[in-house]
C-alpha atoms as a PDB file:
ATOM      1  CA  UNK A   1       0.000   0.000   0.000  1.00  0.00           C
ATOM      2  CA  UNK A   2       1.201   3.517  -0.759  1.00  0.00           C
ATOM      3  CA  UNK A   3       2.659   5.614   2.060  1.00  0.00           C
ATOM      4  CA  UNK A   4       0.386   8.499   1.020  1.00  0.00           C
ATOM      5  CA  UNK A   5      -2.716   8.038   3.156  1.00  0.00           C
ATOM      6  CA  UNK A   6      -5.774  10.114   2.149  1.00  0.00           C
ATOM      7  CA  UNK A   7      -7.994   8.607   4.839  1.00  0.00           C
ATOM      8  CA  UNK A   8      -7.535  11.522   7.205  1.00  0.00           C
ATOM      9  CA  UNK A   9      -8.279  11.583  10.928  1.00  0.00           C
ATOM     10  CA  UNK A  10     -11.091   9.972  12.884  1.00  0.00           C
ATOM     11  CA  UNK A  11     -13.593  11.639  15.184  1.00  0.00           C
ATOM     12  CA  UNK A  12     -13.846   9.529  18.367  1.00  0.00           C
ATOM     13  CA  UNK A  13     -17.377   8.230  18.748  1.00  0.00           C
ATOM     14  CA  UNK A  14     -17.613   9.265  22.381  1.00  0.00           C
ATOM     15  CA  UNK A  15     -16.949  12.867  21.407  1.00  0.00           C
ATOM     16  CA  UNK A  16     -20.092  13.252  19.317  1.00  0.00           C
ATOM     17  CA  UNK A  17     -22.249  10.254  20.123  1.00  0.00           C
ATOM     18  CA  UNK A  18     -25.967  10.967  20.015  1.00  0.00           C
ATOM     19  CA  UNK A  19     -27.434  11.255  23.492  1.00  0.00           C
ATOM     20  CA  UNK A  20     -31.044  10.496  22.534  1.00  0.00           C
ATOM     21  CA  UNK A  21     -33.790  11.089  20.028  1.00  0.00           C
ATOM     22  CA  UNK A  22     -33.792  14.847  20.411  1.00  0.00           C
ATOM     23  CA  UNK A  23     -30.139  15.636  20.906  1.00  0.00           C
ATOM     24  CA  UNK A  24     -27.040  15.683  18.717  1.00  0.00           C
ATOM     25  CA  UNK A  25     -26.244  19.332  19.382  1.00  0.00           C
ATOM     26  CA  UNK A  26     -22.642  18.922  18.273  1.00  0.00           C
ATOM     27  CA  UNK A  27     -20.838  21.123  15.788  1.00  0.00           C
ATOM     28  CA  UNK A  28     -21.898  19.018  12.832  1.00  0.00           C
ATOM     29  CA  UNK A  29     -25.560  19.418  13.740  1.00  0.00           C
ATOM     30  CA  UNK A  30     -25.137  23.130  14.322  1.00  0.00           C
ATOM     31  CA  UNK A  31     -24.083  23.580  10.708  1.00  0.00           C
ATOM     32  CA  UNK A  32     -27.551  22.419   9.576  1.00  0.00           C
ATOM     33  CA  UNK A  33     -29.865  25.289  10.393  1.00  0.00           C
ATOM     34  CA  UNK A  34     -33.194  24.151   8.916  1.00  0.00           C
ATOM     35  CA  UNK A  35     -35.500  23.336  11.849  1.00  0.00           C
ATOM     36  CA  UNK A  36     -37.253  20.459  10.097  1.00  0.00           C
ATOM     37  CA  UNK A  37     -33.957  18.863   9.159  1.00  0.00           C
ATOM     38  CA  UNK A  38     -32.973  18.817  12.816  1.00  0.00           C
ATOM     39  CA  UNK A  39     -36.063  16.748  13.664  1.00  0.00           C
ATOM     40  CA  UNK A  40     -35.657  14.557  10.592  1.00  0.00           C
ATOM     41  CA  UNK A  41     -32.001  14.019  11.517  1.00  0.00           C
ATOM     42  CA  UNK A  42     -33.013  12.725  14.957  1.00  0.00           C
ATOM     43  CA  UNK A  43     -35.592  10.415  13.369  1.00  0.00           C
ATOM     44  CA  UNK A  44     -33.078   9.106  10.833  1.00  0.00           C
ATOM     45  CA  UNK A  45     -30.440   8.476  13.499  1.00  0.00           C
ATOM     46  CA  UNK A  46     -32.986   6.666  15.660  1.00  0.00           C
ATOM     47  CA  UNK A  47     -34.189   4.455  12.822  1.00  0.00           C
ATOM     48  CA  UNK A  48     -30.778   3.535  11.450  1.00  0.00           C
ATOM     49  CA  UNK A  49     -29.327   3.136  14.906  1.00  0.00           C
ATOM     50  CA  UNK A  50     -31.978   0.511  15.589  1.00  0.00           C
ATOM     51  CA  UNK A  51     -31.207  -1.085  12.240  1.00  0.00           C
ATOM     52  CA  UNK A  52     -27.541  -1.369  13.241  1.00  0.00           C
ATOM     53  CA  UNK A  53     -28.427  -2.925  16.592  1.00  0.00           C
ATOM     54  CA  UNK A  54     -30.686  -5.513  14.947  1.00  0.00           C
ATOM     55  CA  UNK A  55     -28.504  -6.244  11.897  1.00  0.00           C
ATOM     56  CA  UNK A  56     -27.516  -9.724  13.065  1.00  0.00           C
ATOM     57  CA  UNK A  57     -31.107 -10.762  13.797  1.00  0.00           C
ATOM     58  CA  UNK A  58     -32.253  -9.311  10.509  1.00  0.00           C
ATOM     59  CA  UNK A  59     -29.621 -11.229   8.562  1.00  0.00           C
ATOM     60  CA  UNK A  60     -30.495 -14.484  10.328  1.00  0.00           C
ATOM     61  CA  UNK A  61     -34.240 -14.241   9.638  1.00  0.00           C
ATOM     62  CA  UNK A  62     -35.043 -15.665   6.161  1.00  0.00           C
ATOM     63  CA  UNK A  63     -38.448 -13.952   6.189  1.00  0.00           C
ATOM     64  CA  UNK A  64     -36.842 -10.497   6.284  1.00  0.00           C
ATOM     65  CA  UNK A  65     -35.532 -10.087   2.752  1.00  0.00           C
ATOM     66  CA  UNK A  66     -33.239  -7.090   2.853  1.00  0.00           C
ATOM     67  CA  UNK A  67     -31.641  -4.810   0.301  1.00  0.00           C
ATOM     68  CA  UNK A  68     -28.575  -7.040   0.132  1.00  0.00           C
ATOM     69  CA  UNK A  69     -30.730  -9.885  -1.184  1.00  0.00           C
ATOM     70  CA  UNK A  70     -32.559  -7.643  -3.626  1.00  0.00           C
ATOM     71  CA  UNK A  71     -29.640  -5.788  -5.213  1.00  0.00           C
ATOM     72  CA  UNK A  72     -26.415  -7.739  -4.600  1.00  0.00           C
ATOM     73  CA  UNK A  73     -25.089 -10.908  -6.169  1.00  0.00           C
ATOM     74  CA  UNK A  74     -24.385 -14.106  -4.260  1.00  0.00           C
ATOM     75  CA  UNK A  75     -20.661 -13.538  -4.777  1.00  0.00           C
ATOM     76  CA  UNK A  76     -20.900 -10.024  -3.329  1.00  0.00           C
ATOM     77  CA  UNK A  77     -22.874 -11.207  -0.298  1.00  0.00           C
ATOM     78  CA  UNK A  78     -20.307 -13.929   0.321  1.00  0.00           C
ATOM     79  CA  UNK A  79     -17.557 -11.297   0.562  1.00  0.00           C
ATOM     80  CA  UNK A  80     -19.123  -9.416   3.505  1.00  0.00           C
ATOM     81  CA  UNK A  81     -20.258 -10.200   7.037  1.00  0.00           C
ATOM     82  CA  UNK A  82     -23.854 -11.194   7.727  1.00  0.00           C
ATOM     83  CA  UNK A  83     -24.231  -8.075   9.865  1.00  0.00           C
ATOM     84  CA  UNK A  84     -23.149  -5.835   6.982  1.00  0.00           C
ATOM     85  CA  UNK A  85     -25.794  -7.516   4.839  1.00  0.00           C
ATOM     86  CA  UNK A  86     -28.387  -7.213   7.594  1.00  0.00           C
ATOM     87  CA  UNK A  87     -27.754  -3.488   7.968  1.00  0.00           C
ATOM     88  CA  UNK A  88     -28.118  -2.798   4.248  1.00  0.00           C
ATOM     89  CA  UNK A  89     -31.084  -0.585   3.385  1.00  0.00           C
ATOM     90  CA  UNK A  90     -30.245   0.727  -0.081  1.00  0.00           C
ATOM     91  CA  UNK A  91     -32.199   0.959  -3.312  1.00  0.00           C
ATOM     92  CA  UNK A  92     -29.491  -0.201  -5.719  1.00  0.00           C
ATOM     93  CA  UNK A  93     -25.937  -1.489  -6.067  1.00  0.00           C
ATOM     94  CA  UNK A  94     -23.827   1.500  -7.129  1.00  0.00           C
ATOM     95  CA  UNK A  95     -20.458  -0.084  -6.440  1.00  0.00           C
ATOM     96  CA  UNK A  96     -21.410  -2.970  -8.718  1.00  0.00           C
ATOM     97  CA  UNK A  97     -21.328  -0.667 -11.741  1.00  0.00           C
ATOM     98  CA  UNK A  98     -18.956   2.032 -10.531  1.00  0.00           C
ATOM     99  CA  UNK A  99     -15.838   0.397 -12.020  1.00  0.00           C
ATOM    100  CA  UNK A 100     -13.606   1.219  -9.063  1.00  0.00           C
ATOM    101  CA  UNK A 101      -9.996   0.796 -10.181  1.00  0.00           C
ATOM    102  CA  UNK A 102      -6.903  -0.489  -8.385  1.00  0.00           C
ATOM    103  CA  UNK A 103      -5.203   2.262  -6.388  1.00  0.00           C
ATOM    104  CA  UNK A 104      -8.188   4.627  -6.337  1.00  0.00           C
ATOM    105  CA  UNK A 105      -9.640   6.400  -3.306  1.00  0.00           C
ATOM    106  CA  UNK A 106     -13.376   5.761  -2.924  1.00  0.00           C
ATOM    107  CA  UNK A 107     -15.730   7.540  -0.517  1.00  0.00           C
ATOM    108  CA  UNK A 108     -19.174   6.197   0.403  1.00  0.00           C
ATOM    109  CA  UNK A 109     -21.823   8.649   1.599  1.00  0.00           C
ATOM    110  CA  UNK A 110     -24.044   7.074   4.243  1.00  0.00           C
ATOM    111  CA  UNK A 111     -21.961   3.919   4.509  1.00  0.00           C
ATOM    112  CA  UNK A 112     -24.175   2.160   7.074  1.00  0.00           C
ATOM    113  CA  UNK A 113     -22.838  -1.251   8.019  1.00  0.00           C
ATOM    114  CA  UNK A 114     -20.179  -0.950   5.317  1.00  0.00           C
ATOM    115  CA  UNK A 115     -21.467  -3.233   2.561  1.00  0.00           C
ATOM    116  CA  UNK A 116     -20.489  -0.969  -0.352  1.00  0.00           C
ATOM    117  CA  UNK A 117     -17.179  -0.042   1.291  1.00  0.00           C
ATOM    118  CA  UNK A 118     -16.144  -3.662   1.655  1.00  0.00           C
ATOM    119  CA  UNK A 119     -17.036  -4.409  -1.957  1.00  0.00           C
ATOM    120  CA  UNK A 120     -15.194  -1.316  -3.170  1.00  0.00           C
ATOM    121  CA  UNK A 121     -12.135  -2.325  -1.133  1.00  0.00           C
ATOM    122  CA  UNK A 122     -11.873  -5.510  -3.186  1.00  0.00           C
ATOM    123  CA  UNK A 123     -11.809  -3.441  -6.358  1.00  0.00           C
ATOM    124  CA  UNK A 124      -9.226  -0.823  -5.331  1.00  0.00           C
ATOM    125  CA  UNK A 125      -6.861  -3.374  -3.799  1.00  0.00           C
ATOM    126  CA  UNK A 126      -4.071  -2.865  -1.294  1.00  0.00           C
ATOM    127  CA  UNK A 127      -2.880   0.312  -3.027  1.00  0.00           C
ATOM    128  CA  UNK A 128      -6.323   1.912  -2.807  1.00  0.00           C
ATOM    129  CA  UNK A 129      -8.341   3.403   0.023  1.00  0.00           C
ATOM    130  CA  UNK A 130     -12.035   3.413   0.960  1.00  0.00           C
ATOM    131  CA  UNK A 131     -13.697   5.952   3.281  1.00  0.00           C
ATOM    132  CA  UNK A 132     -17.163   5.456   4.738  1.00  0.00           C
ATOM    133  CA  UNK A 133     -19.130   8.433   6.088  1.00  0.00           C
ATOM    134  CA  UNK A 134     -22.199   7.986   8.295  1.00  0.00           C
ATOM    135  CA  UNK A 135     -23.939  10.237  10.799  1.00  0.00           C
ATOM    136  CA  UNK A 136     -25.252   7.435  13.036  1.00  0.00           C
ATOM    137  CA  UNK A 137     -22.801   6.441  15.786  1.00  0.00           C
ATOM    138  CA  UNK A 138     -24.199   2.927  16.086  1.00  0.00           C
ATOM    139  CA  UNK A 139     -23.702   2.358  12.363  1.00  0.00           C
ATOM    140  CA  UNK A 140     -20.088   3.508  12.647  1.00  0.00           C
ATOM    141  CA  UNK A 141     -19.553   1.092  15.522  1.00  0.00           C
ATOM    142  CA  UNK A 142     -21.059  -1.743  13.474  1.00  0.00           C
ATOM    143  CA  UNK A 143     -19.038  -0.957  10.344  1.00  0.00           C
ATOM    144  CA  UNK A 144     -15.784  -0.809  12.314  1.00  0.00           C
ATOM    145  CA  UNK A 145     -16.622  -4.168  13.908  1.00  0.00           C
ATOM    146  CA  UNK A 146     -17.327  -5.610  10.459  1.00  0.00           C
ATOM    147  CA  UNK A 147     -14.015  -4.230   9.179  1.00  0.00           C
ATOM    148  CA  UNK A 148     -12.178  -5.896  12.057  1.00  0.00           C
ATOM    149  CA  UNK A 149     -13.952  -9.196  11.395  1.00  0.00           C
ATOM    150  CA  UNK A 150     -13.016  -9.015   7.710  1.00  0.00           C
ATOM    151  CA  UNK A 151      -9.458  -7.905   8.576  1.00  0.00           C
ATOM    152  CA  UNK A 152      -9.534  -5.037   6.100  1.00  0.00           C
ATOM    153  CA  UNK A 153      -6.588  -2.668   6.129  1.00  0.00           C
ATOM    154  CA  UNK A 154      -7.585  -0.069   3.540  1.00  0.00           C
ATOM    155  CA  UNK A 155     -10.922   1.173   4.930  1.00  0.00           C
ATOM    156  CA  UNK A 156     -11.746   3.840   7.483  1.00  0.00           C
ATOM    157  CA  UNK A 157     -15.212   4.771   8.763  1.00  0.00           C
ATOM    158  CA  UNK A 158     -15.823   8.351   9.883  1.00  0.00           C
ATOM    159  CA  UNK A 159     -18.698   9.880  11.810  1.00  0.00           C
ATOM    160  CA  UNK A 160     -19.948  12.827   9.739  1.00  0.00           C
ATOM    161  CA  UNK A 161     -22.664  14.481   7.691  1.00  0.00           C
ATOM    162  CA  UNK A 162     -23.025  14.254   3.952  1.00  0.00           C
ATOM    163  CA  UNK A 163     -23.831  17.982   3.982  1.00  0.00           C
ATOM    164  CA  UNK A 164     -20.371  18.652   5.451  1.00  0.00           C
ATOM    165  CA  UNK A 165     -18.112  15.773   4.434  1.00  0.00           C
ATOM    166  CA  UNK A 166     -15.008  15.380   6.651  1.00  0.00           C
ATOM    167  CA  UNK A 167     -12.601  15.056   3.752  1.00  0.00           C
ATOM    168  CA  UNK A 168     -10.096  17.492   2.159  1.00  0.00           C
ATOM    169  CA  UNK A 169     -10.643  19.053  -1.266  1.00  0.00           C
ATOM    170  CA  UNK A 170      -9.667  17.166  -4.436  1.00  0.00           C
ATOM    171  CA  UNK A 171      -8.710  13.897  -2.704  1.00  0.00           C
ATOM    172  CA  UNK A 172     -11.264  11.333  -3.928  1.00  0.00           C
ATOM    173  CA  UNK A 173     -11.441   9.500  -7.265  1.00  0.00           C
ATOM    174  CA  UNK A 174     -14.918   8.010  -6.851  1.00  0.00           C
ATOM    175  CA  UNK A 175     -17.894   8.861  -4.627  1.00  0.00           C
ATOM    176  CA  UNK A 176     -20.645   6.296  -4.180  1.00  0.00           C
ATOM    177  CA  UNK A 177     -23.911   6.455  -2.257  1.00  0.00           C
ATOM    178  CA  UNK A 178     -26.874   4.126  -1.866  1.00  0.00           C
ATOM    179  CA  UNK A 179     -30.281   5.660  -1.131  1.00  0.00           C
ATOM    180  CA  UNK A 180     -28.927   8.264   1.285  1.00  0.00           C
ATOM    181  CA  UNK A 181     -29.100  11.649  -0.456  1.00  0.00           C
ATOM    182  CA  UNK A 182     -32.903  11.350  -0.379  1.00  0.00           C
ATOM    183  CA  UNK A 183     -32.610  11.645   3.413  1.00  0.00           C
ATOM    184  CA  UNK A 184     -31.174  15.167   3.124  1.00  0.00           C
ATOM    185  CA  UNK A 185     -33.123  18.377   2.679  1.00  0.00           C
ATOM    186  CA  UNK A 186     -29.911  20.117   1.627  1.00  0.00           C
ATOM    187  CA  UNK A 187     -29.309  18.132  -1.547  1.00  0.00           C
ATOM    188  CA  UNK A 188     -27.658  21.096  -3.265  1.00  0.00           C
ATOM    189  CA  UNK A 189     -25.195  21.287  -0.386  1.00  0.00           C
ATOM    190  CA  UNK A 190     -24.525  17.537  -0.631  1.00  0.00           C
ATOM    191  CA  UNK A 191     -23.715  17.758  -4.333  1.00  0.00           C
ATOM    192  CA  UNK A 192     -21.502  20.802  -3.723  1.00  0.00           C
ATOM    193  CA  UNK A 193     -19.586  18.816  -1.120  1.00  0.00           C
ATOM    194  CA  UNK A 194     -19.185  15.891  -3.513  1.00  0.00           C
ATOM    195  CA  UNK A 195     -17.836  18.251  -6.162  1.00  0.00           C
ATOM    196  CA  UNK A 196     -15.412  19.740  -3.618  1.00  0.00           C
ATOM    197  CA  UNK A 197     -13.848  16.467  -2.496  1.00  0.00           C
ATOM    198  CA  UNK A 198     -13.564  14.863  -5.943  1.00  0.00           C
ATOM    199  CA  UNK A 199     -10.367  15.198  -7.881  1.00  0.00           C
ATOM    200  CA  UNK A 200     -10.689  16.936 -11.276  1.00  0.00           C
ATOM    201  CA  UNK A 201     -12.001  14.266 -13.610  1.00  0.00           C
ATOM    202  CA  UNK A 202     -13.303  12.238 -10.648  1.00  0.00           C
ATOM    203  CA  UNK A 203     -16.765  10.738 -10.731  1.00  0.00           C
ATOM    204  CA  UNK A 204     -19.675   9.728  -8.580  1.00  0.00           C
ATOM    205  CA  UNK A 205     -22.043   6.791  -9.009  1.00  0.00           C
ATOM    206  CA  UNK A 206     -25.082   6.918  -6.765  1.00  0.00           C
ATOM    207  CA  UNK A 207     -28.372   5.104  -6.299  1.00  0.00           C
ATOM    208  CA  UNK A 208     -31.212   7.123  -4.828  1.00  0.00           C
ATOM    209  CA  UNK A 209     -34.973   7.420  -4.522  1.00  0.00           C
ATOM    210  CA  UNK A 210     -36.633   9.966  -6.824  1.00  0.00           C
ATOM    211  CA  UNK A 211     -40.149  10.568  -8.152  1.00  0.00           C
ATOM    212  CA  UNK A 212     -41.885  11.264 -11.437  1.00  0.00           C
ATOM    213  CA  UNK A 213     -43.996  14.020  -9.880  1.00  0.00           C
ATOM    214  CA  UNK A 214     -44.101  16.026  -6.635  1.00  0.00           C
ATOM    215  CA  UNK A 215     -45.116  14.078  -3.549  1.00  0.00           C
ATOM    216  CA  UNK A 216     -48.229  15.001  -1.562  1.00  0.00           C
ATOM    217  CA  UNK A 217     -47.502  17.535   1.150  1.00  0.00           C
ATOM    218  CA  UNK A 218     -48.547  15.144   3.914  1.00  0.00           C
ATOM    219  CA  UNK A 219     -45.951  12.640   2.683  1.00  0.00           C
ATOM    220  CA  UNK A 220     -43.200  15.246   2.632  1.00  0.00           C
ATOM    221  CA  UNK A 221     -44.164  16.280   6.171  1.00  0.00           C
ATOM    222  CA  UNK A 222     -44.055  12.726   7.527  1.00  0.00           C
ATOM    223  CA  UNK A 223     -40.967  11.731   9.526  1.00  0.00           C
ATOM    224  CA  UNK A 224     -41.887   8.094   8.888  1.00  0.00           C
ATOM    225  CA  UNK A 225     -41.736   8.602   5.133  1.00  0.00           C
ATOM    226  CA  UNK A 226     -38.508  10.611   5.434  1.00  0.00           C
ATOM    227  CA  UNK A 227     -36.641   7.858   7.234  1.00  0.00           C
ATOM    228  CA  UNK A 228     -37.865   5.443   4.537  1.00  0.00           C
ATOM    229  CA  UNK A 229     -36.083   7.622   1.912  1.00  0.00           C
ATOM    230  CA  UNK A 230     -39.478   8.615   0.504  1.00  0.00           C
ATOM    231  CA  UNK A 231     -40.479  11.941   2.073  1.00  0.00           C
ATOM    232  CA  UNK A 232     -37.299  13.611   0.834  1.00  0.00           C
ATOM    233  CA  UNK A 233     -37.327  12.083  -2.643  1.00  0.00           C
ATOM    234  CA  UNK A 234     -36.931  14.791  -5.303  1.00  0.00           C
ATOM    235  CA  UNK A 235     -38.596  14.944  -8.693  1.00  0.00           C
ATOM    236  CA  UNK A 236     -36.174  13.207 -11.053  1.00  0.00           C
ATOM    237  CA  UNK A 237     -35.925  16.063 -13.566  1.00  0.00           C
ATOM    238  CA  UNK A 238     -35.191  18.532 -10.765  1.00  0.00           C
ATOM    239  CA  UNK A 239     -32.683  16.135  -9.199  1.00  0.00           C
ATOM    240  CA  UNK A 240     -30.739  15.823 -12.451  1.00  0.00           C
ATOM    241  CA  UNK A 241     -30.953  19.580 -12.967  1.00  0.00           C
ATOM    242  CA  UNK A 242     -29.511  20.208  -9.519  1.00  0.00           C
ATOM    243  CA  UNK A 243     -26.527  17.972 -10.289  1.00  0.00           C
ATOM    244  CA  UNK A 244     -25.915  19.847 -13.540  1.00  0.00           C
ATOM    245  CA  UNK A 245     -26.279  23.233 -11.828  1.00  0.00           C
ATOM    246  CA  UNK A 246     -23.693  22.192  -9.235  1.00  0.00           C
ATOM    247  CA  UNK A 247     -21.159  21.867 -12.040  1.00  0.00           C
ATOM    248  CA  UNK A 248     -21.046  18.166 -12.889  1.00  0.00           C
ATOM    249  CA  UNK A 249     -20.752  17.010 -16.479  1.00  0.00           C
ATOM    250  CA  UNK A 250     -21.301  13.751 -18.347  1.00  0.00           C
ATOM    251  CA  UNK A 251     -24.438  13.016 -16.327  1.00  0.00           C
ATOM    252  CA  UNK A 252     -25.752   9.592 -17.328  1.00  0.00           C
ATOM    253  CA  UNK A 253     -28.777   7.695 -16.004  1.00  0.00           C
ATOM    254  CA  UNK A 254     -27.607   4.090 -15.614  1.00  0.00           C
ATOM    255  CA  UNK A 255     -30.903   2.631 -14.397  1.00  0.00           C
ATOM    256  CA  UNK A 256     -34.360   3.965 -13.682  1.00  0.00           C
ATOM    257  CA  UNK A 257     -36.814   1.445 -12.223  1.00  0.00           C
ATOM    258  CA  UNK A 258     -40.163   1.751 -10.394  1.00  0.00           C
ATOM    259  CA  UNK A 259     -39.599   1.389  -6.673  1.00  0.00           C
ATOM    260  CA  UNK A 260     -43.103   0.101  -5.965  1.00  0.00           C
ATOM    261  CA  UNK A 261     -44.337  -1.264  -9.307  1.00  0.00           C
ATOM    262  CA  UNK A 262     -47.635  -2.566  -7.939  1.00  0.00           C
ATOM    263  CA  UNK A 263     -48.708   0.713  -6.355  1.00  0.00           C
ATOM    264  CA  UNK A 264     -51.704   2.630  -7.703  1.00  0.00           C
ATOM    265  CA  UNK A 265     -51.518   5.796  -5.606  1.00  0.00           C
ATOM    266  CA  UNK A 266     -48.753   8.399  -5.232  1.00  0.00           C
ATOM    267  CA  UNK A 267     -46.284   5.578  -4.523  1.00  0.00           C
ATOM    268  CA  UNK A 268     -46.410   4.613  -8.190  1.00  0.00           C
ATOM    269  CA  UNK A 269     -44.276   7.685  -8.957  1.00  0.00           C
ATOM    270  CA  UNK A 270     -41.350   6.458  -6.822  1.00  0.00           C
ATOM    271  CA  UNK A 271     -38.251   5.337  -8.712  1.00  0.00           C
ATOM    272  CA  UNK A 272     -34.909   3.737  -7.894  1.00  0.00           C
ATOM    273  CA  UNK A 273     -32.413   5.814  -9.837  1.00  0.00           C
ATOM    274  CA  UNK A 274     -28.748   5.035 -10.415  1.00  0.00           C
ATOM    275  CA  UNK A 275     -26.598   7.583 -12.221  1.00  0.00           C
ATOM    276  CA  UNK A 276     -23.020   8.634 -12.937  1.00  0.00           C
ATOM    277  CA  UNK A 277     -21.522  12.097 -13.323  1.00  0.00           C
ATOM    278  CA  UNK A 278     -18.052  13.661 -13.480  1.00  0.00           C
ATOM    279  CA  UNK A 279     -16.218  16.617 -11.995  1.00  0.00           C
ATOM    280  CA  UNK A 280     -14.812  18.659 -14.879  1.00  0.00           C
ATOM    281  CA  UNK A 281     -11.097  18.524 -15.523  1.00  0.00           C
ATOM    282  CA  UNK A 282      -9.608  21.904 -14.690  1.00  0.00           C
END
């Protein structure tokens, strides 16, 4: 492995661990000023914290078919821990089509139990690095445990927000994310952060929840729908426009599938979108 280490420093979990459903008044939270996002953030942390705690039980229960079963191959599932699979809650498999290359630095937004990080680590090899970012302390604890169990040496998991990514400018070759940006009300800020940390010519491949048409107001106001990646889902045309307005080029929709194909109400507009885009070469 190269002596140049772009992984950066870690924030100790006990320094910013969430103290309950209504807390998280640390510096990272203070940067997000929208009042609704504060309450949504607490709901998201509560939901995904519980998911982390129950990952092993979820993986062991054959009746609870998770995202890892729906979107990942048998070979990919065999390369991770059962707890990483049990904690998976994505809407696609971005790393499966991201073409991560040996020696690259990859950063995963909302890394959860680490499933996409561990798969990316196989692709970049010993000369590459993988960085997972998640805002839920219990998910960070789980992903670090999974990394220890898998004896990975080229991955680091950091506690942080996707609206304020703890990573220096121009240090990442590839950003991936799996149904996480829909959880943010500050999507323009997220895309600006991705642009900042990517090297010129770098790319991102993300899967996310979008819609064909605006969601009903009561859905957008529901914390339950927000933590399910639904309440914050943007209209697809606006989502793609926001990426272009941020400054990305070569935007390409890689897949675009109905999320709930049997629905007949507003849920019929939900889509699982996977796309790729590039930071311009300066």
